[in-house]
Amino acid sequence: IAVFERLYNKKQEEIAAMEKEVIKITLPDGALKEGKAWETSPMDIALGISPGLAKAVMVAKVRYSRRLGEKQQITSGQDEFD
């Protein structure tokens, strides 16, 4: 457990140091929402739409339109199931 905690804490420090740029999130219906990289979660988006939706949400898939560190737009992966 100590190894996991050390690695987890190191990763959290790296994420905290990253730029929290504004990102655009495309929902399955084509609607766009804004968020911040490394801060906005799928649950945050669901809560912004409806608390009822947030309670019903069980799974979200995030797909990046470009590599991290570049300007990016996150799109819903609802139509892609693995």
N, C-alpha and C. Protein backbone atom coordinates (compact mmCIF):
# COMPACT_ATOMS: atom_id res chain seq x y z
N ILE A 1 0.83 -1.19 0.00
CA ILE A 1 0.00 0.00 0.00
C ILE A 1 0.87 1.26 0.00
N ALA A 2 1.99 1.23 0.66
CA ALA A 2 2.88 2.40 0.72
C ALA A 2 3.39 2.77 -0.66
N VAL A 3 3.70 1.76 -1.48
CA VAL A 3 4.19 2.04 -2.84
C VAL A 3 3.08 2.71 -3.65
N PHE A 4 1.87 2.19 -3.55
CA PHE A 4 0.74 2.79 -4.26
C PHE A 4 0.55 4.24 -3.82
N GLU A 5 0.55 4.47 -2.52
CA GLU A 5 0.34 5.83 -2.01
C GLU A 5 1.43 6.78 -2.50
N ARG A 6 2.68 6.31 -2.53
CA ARG A 6 3.78 7.16 -3.01
C ARG A 6 3.58 7.51 -4.48
N LEU A 7 3.26 6.50 -5.31
CA LEU A 7 3.04 6.75 -6.74
C LEU A 7 1.82 7.62 -6.97
N TYR A 8 0.75 7.37 -6.23
CA TYR A 8 -0.47 8.16 -6.36
C TYR A 8 -0.19 9.62 -6.01
N ASN A 9 0.48 9.86 -4.91
CA ASN A 9 0.78 11.23 -4.49
C ASN A 9 1.67 11.94 -5.50
N LYS A 10 2.63 11.21 -6.07
CA LYS A 10 3.50 11.81 -7.09
C LYS A 10 2.67 12.23 -8.31
N LYS A 11 1.77 11.36 -8.75
CA LYS A 11 0.93 11.67 -9.91
C LYS A 11 0.01 12.86 -9.60
N GLN A 12 -0.54 12.92 -8.40
CA GLN A 12 -1.40 14.03 -8.03
C GLN A 12 -0.63 15.36 -8.05
N GLU A 13 0.62 15.33 -7.63
CA GLU A 13 1.46 16.54 -7.68
C GLU A 13 1.70 16.97 -9.12
N GLU A 14 1.95 16.00 -10.01
CA GLU A 14 2.14 16.31 -11.43
C GLU A 14 0.89 16.94 -12.02
N ILE A 15 -0.26 16.38 -11.71
CA ILE A 15 -1.53 16.91 -12.22
C ILE A 15 -1.78 18.31 -11.68
N ALA A 16 -1.49 18.53 -10.40
CA ALA A 16 -1.69 19.85 -9.79
C ALA A 16 -0.82 20.92 -10.46
N ALA A 17 0.34 20.51 -10.97
CA ALA A 17 1.25 21.47 -11.60
C ALA A 17 0.89 21.76 -13.05
N MET A 18 0.01 20.96 -13.65
CA MET A 18 -0.35 21.15 -15.06
C MET A 18 -1.27 22.36 -15.24
N GLU A 19 -1.16 22.97 -16.41
CA GLU A 19 -2.03 24.10 -16.74
C GLU A 19 -3.47 23.62 -16.82
N LYS A 20 -4.37 24.36 -16.22
CA LYS A 20 -5.79 24.01 -16.19
C LYS A 20 -6.52 24.82 -17.27
N GLU A 21 -6.19 24.52 -18.52
CA GLU A 21 -6.75 25.28 -19.64
C GLU A 21 -8.24 24.96 -19.82
N VAL A 22 -8.94 25.90 -20.43
CA VAL A 22 -10.36 25.72 -20.73
C VAL A 22 -10.47 24.72 -21.88
N ILE A 23 -11.38 23.75 -21.71
CA ILE A 23 -11.62 22.74 -22.74
C ILE A 23 -13.09 22.77 -23.14
N LYS A 24 -13.38 22.29 -24.34
CA LYS A 24 -14.75 22.17 -24.82
C LYS A 24 -15.13 20.70 -24.79
N ILE A 25 -16.30 20.41 -24.26
CA ILE A 25 -16.79 19.05 -24.12
C ILE A 25 -18.03 18.91 -24.99
N THR A 26 -17.98 17.95 -25.92
CA THR A 26 -19.10 17.71 -26.82
C THR A 26 -19.92 16.55 -26.27
N LEU A 27 -21.20 16.80 -26.03
CA LEU A 27 -22.11 15.77 -25.52
C LEU A 27 -22.69 14.97 -26.68
N PRO A 28 -23.28 13.80 -26.41
CA PRO A 28 -23.82 12.96 -27.48
C PRO A 28 -24.83 13.67 -28.37
N ASP A 29 -25.57 14.64 -27.81
CA ASP A 29 -26.57 15.35 -28.62
C ASP A 29 -25.96 16.52 -29.40
N GLY A 30 -24.64 16.68 -29.32
CA GLY A 30 -23.97 17.76 -30.03
C GLY A 30 -23.80 19.03 -29.22
N ALA A 31 -24.42 19.10 -28.04
CA ALA A 31 -24.29 20.29 -27.18
C ALA A 31 -22.84 20.41 -26.70
N LEU A 32 -22.39 21.66 -26.57
CA LEU A 32 -21.03 21.92 -26.08
C LEU A 32 -21.09 22.47 -24.67
N LYS A 33 -20.21 21.99 -23.83
CA LYS A 33 -20.04 22.49 -22.47
C LYS A 33 -18.58 22.88 -22.31
N GLU A 34 -18.30 23.82 -21.43
CA GLU A 34 -16.92 24.19 -21.13
C GLU A 34 -16.52 23.60 -19.80
N GLY A 35 -15.25 23.29 -19.70
CA GLY A 35 -14.69 22.78 -18.46
C GLY A 35 -13.23 23.17 -18.37
N LYS A 36 -12.56 22.65 -17.36
CA LYS A 36 -11.13 22.90 -17.20
C LYS A 36 -10.41 21.56 -17.20
N ALA A 37 -9.35 21.51 -18.00
CA ALA A 37 -8.54 20.29 -18.06
C ALA A 37 -8.04 19.93 -16.67
N TRP A 38 -8.08 18.66 -16.36
CA TRP A 38 -7.61 18.10 -15.10
C TRP A 38 -8.47 18.47 -13.90
N GLU A 39 -9.59 19.16 -14.11
CA GLU A 39 -10.48 19.51 -13.00
C GLU A 39 -11.91 19.04 -13.26
N THR A 40 -12.43 19.29 -14.45
CA THR A 40 -13.82 18.97 -14.76
C THR A 40 -13.96 17.47 -15.00
N SER A 41 -14.87 16.85 -14.28
CA SER A 41 -15.10 15.41 -14.43
C SER A 41 -16.43 15.17 -15.14
N PRO A 42 -16.65 13.96 -15.66
CA PRO A 42 -17.96 13.64 -16.23
C PRO A 42 -19.09 13.87 -15.22
N MET A 43 -18.83 13.62 -13.94
CA MET A 43 -19.86 13.85 -12.93
C MET A 43 -20.18 15.34 -12.82
N ASP A 44 -19.17 16.21 -12.93
CA ASP A 44 -19.41 17.66 -12.91
C ASP A 44 -20.33 18.07 -14.06
N ILE A 45 -20.09 17.50 -15.24
CA ILE A 45 -20.93 17.82 -16.40
C ILE A 45 -22.36 17.34 -16.15
N ALA A 46 -22.50 16.10 -15.66
CA ALA A 46 -23.83 15.56 -15.39
C ALA A 46 -24.56 16.41 -14.35
N LEU A 47 -23.88 16.82 -13.29
CA LEU A 47 -24.50 17.68 -12.26
C LEU A 47 -24.95 19.01 -12.85
N GLY A 48 -24.17 19.54 -13.81
CA GLY A 48 -24.52 20.80 -14.44
C GLY A 48 -25.75 20.71 -15.31
N ILE A 49 -26.03 19.51 -15.80
CA ILE A 49 -27.22 19.29 -16.62
C ILE A 49 -28.43 19.05 -15.75
N SER A 50 -28.28 18.13 -14.78
CA SER A 50 -29.40 17.78 -13.91
C SER A 50 -28.90 16.90 -12.77
N PRO A 51 -29.27 17.24 -11.53
CA PRO A 51 -28.89 16.37 -10.41
C PRO A 51 -29.44 14.95 -10.58
N GLY A 52 -30.62 14.83 -11.18
CA GLY A 52 -31.19 13.50 -11.43
C GLY A 52 -30.34 12.70 -12.39
N LEU A 53 -29.82 13.36 -13.42
CA LEU A 53 -28.93 12.69 -14.37
C LEU A 53 -27.66 12.23 -13.64
N ALA A 54 -27.13 13.10 -12.80
CA ALA A 54 -25.90 12.76 -12.08
C ALA A 54 -26.12 11.54 -11.19
N LYS A 55 -27.28 11.43 -10.58
CA LYS A 55 -27.57 10.26 -9.75
C LYS A 55 -27.69 9.00 -10.58
N ALA A 56 -28.19 9.13 -11.81
CA ALA A 56 -28.41 7.97 -12.67
C ALA A 56 -27.16 7.55 -13.44
N VAL A 57 -26.18 8.45 -13.57
CA VAL A 57 -24.98 8.16 -14.35
C VAL A 57 -24.14 7.12 -13.64
N MET A 58 -23.75 6.11 -14.39
CA MET A 58 -22.91 5.07 -13.81
C MET A 58 -21.57 4.95 -14.52
N VAL A 59 -21.51 5.29 -15.82
CA VAL A 59 -20.30 5.12 -16.61
C VAL A 59 -20.17 6.30 -17.57
N ALA A 60 -18.95 6.74 -17.77
CA ALA A 60 -18.67 7.77 -18.78
C ALA A 60 -17.39 7.39 -19.49
N LYS A 61 -17.33 7.68 -20.76
CA LYS A 61 -16.11 7.42 -21.54
C LYS A 61 -15.61 8.77 -22.04
N VAL A 62 -14.34 9.02 -21.82
CA VAL A 62 -13.72 10.27 -22.25
C VAL A 62 -12.77 9.95 -23.37
N ARG A 63 -12.88 10.72 -24.45
CA ARG A 63 -12.02 10.58 -25.61
C ARG A 63 -11.41 11.94 -25.89
N TYR A 64 -10.11 12.00 -26.00
CA TYR A 64 -9.43 13.26 -26.28
C TYR A 64 -9.23 13.42 -27.78
N SER A 65 -9.43 14.63 -28.27
CA SER A 65 -9.26 14.88 -29.70
C SER A 65 -7.80 15.20 -30.05
N ARG A 66 -6.95 15.32 -29.02
CA ARG A 66 -5.53 15.55 -29.26
C ARG A 66 -4.76 15.16 -28.01
N ARG A 67 -3.45 15.12 -28.12
CA ARG A 67 -2.60 14.74 -26.99
C ARG A 67 -2.63 15.81 -25.91
N LEU A 68 -2.45 15.40 -24.68
CA LEU A 68 -2.42 16.35 -23.57
C LEU A 68 -1.29 17.34 -23.75
N GLY A 69 -1.53 18.56 -23.30
CA GLY A 69 -0.54 19.62 -23.47
C GLY A 69 -0.79 20.46 -24.70
N GLU A 70 -1.61 19.97 -25.62
CA GLU A 70 -2.03 20.74 -26.78
C GLU A 70 -3.44 21.23 -26.49
N LYS A 71 -3.92 22.22 -27.24
CA LYS A 71 -5.32 22.63 -27.07
C LYS A 71 -6.18 21.43 -27.41
N GLN A 72 -7.19 21.15 -26.58
CA GLN A 72 -7.95 19.94 -26.81
C GLN A 72 -9.44 20.15 -26.66
N GLN A 73 -10.16 19.27 -27.31
CA GLN A 73 -11.61 19.21 -27.17
C GLN A 73 -11.93 17.77 -26.80
N ILE A 74 -12.69 17.61 -25.74
CA ILE A 74 -13.07 16.28 -25.29
C ILE A 74 -14.43 15.97 -25.86
N THR A 75 -14.58 14.77 -26.43
CA THR A 75 -15.85 14.39 -27.02
C THR A 75 -16.40 13.18 -26.29
N SER A 76 -17.70 13.08 -26.26
CA SER A 76 -18.34 11.94 -25.63
C SER A 76 -18.05 10.69 -26.45
N GLY A 77 -17.85 9.60 -25.78
CA GLY A 77 -17.60 8.34 -26.47
C GLY A 77 -18.82 7.43 -26.42
N GLN A 78 -20.00 8.01 -26.25
CA GLN A 78 -21.21 7.20 -26.08
C GLN A 78 -21.44 6.24 -27.23
N ASP A 79 -21.08 6.64 -28.44
CA ASP A 79 -21.35 5.78 -29.58
C ASP A 79 -20.28 4.72 -29.78
N GLU A 80 -19.27 4.70 -28.92
CA GLU A 80 -18.20 3.73 -29.03
C GLU A 80 -18.14 2.90 -27.77
N PHE A 81 -18.51 1.65 -27.89
CA PHE A 81 -18.44 0.75 -26.75
C PHE A 81 -17.38 -0.30 -27.02
N ASP A 82 -16.52 -0.54 -26.02
CA ASP A 82 -15.46 -1.54 -26.16
C ASP A 82 -15.91 -2.85 -25.57
